Amino acid sequence: MLGLRLGVDPQVLADIINNSTGRCWSSEINHPVPEVRAGDASPPGHQRYEGGFVTKLAHKDLALAVSAAAEANVPLAVGRCVEETYRSLAKSKEFGDRDFSVIYEALDTLGSTKV
């Protein structure tokens, strides 16, 4: 999101990431930015985040991981932040039943809100 806000073309940014150590499944195959080509794939971002692994289920799994970490006395600071974010999205009528990569749209909307 930072690169896009600084004016970097989304496809150029994705190409840079995917030609470096940042390359991974979510950047190459399931890229959340609708404007980015994803090879032969048709990721949920190309379909208004419909289909795929829904946000409610992603939140359930994150909550289980955070709970297991707490029981094992393992600090999971970033994991807790992610779980809290997905908890809000999962409860939302707008985002809860859409693919978990809809977090991109939610954060993009949040970032463009004037305070």
Foldseek 3Di string as FASTA:
>chain_A
DVCVVVPDDPQVVLVVCCVDPNNDCCSQAAPLCCVYDRDPHCHCNVVVQADDDFLLVVLVVLVVVVVVCVVVVHDDPVSVVVSVLSVVQCPDPSGNNGHNSCVVVVVVVVVPDDD
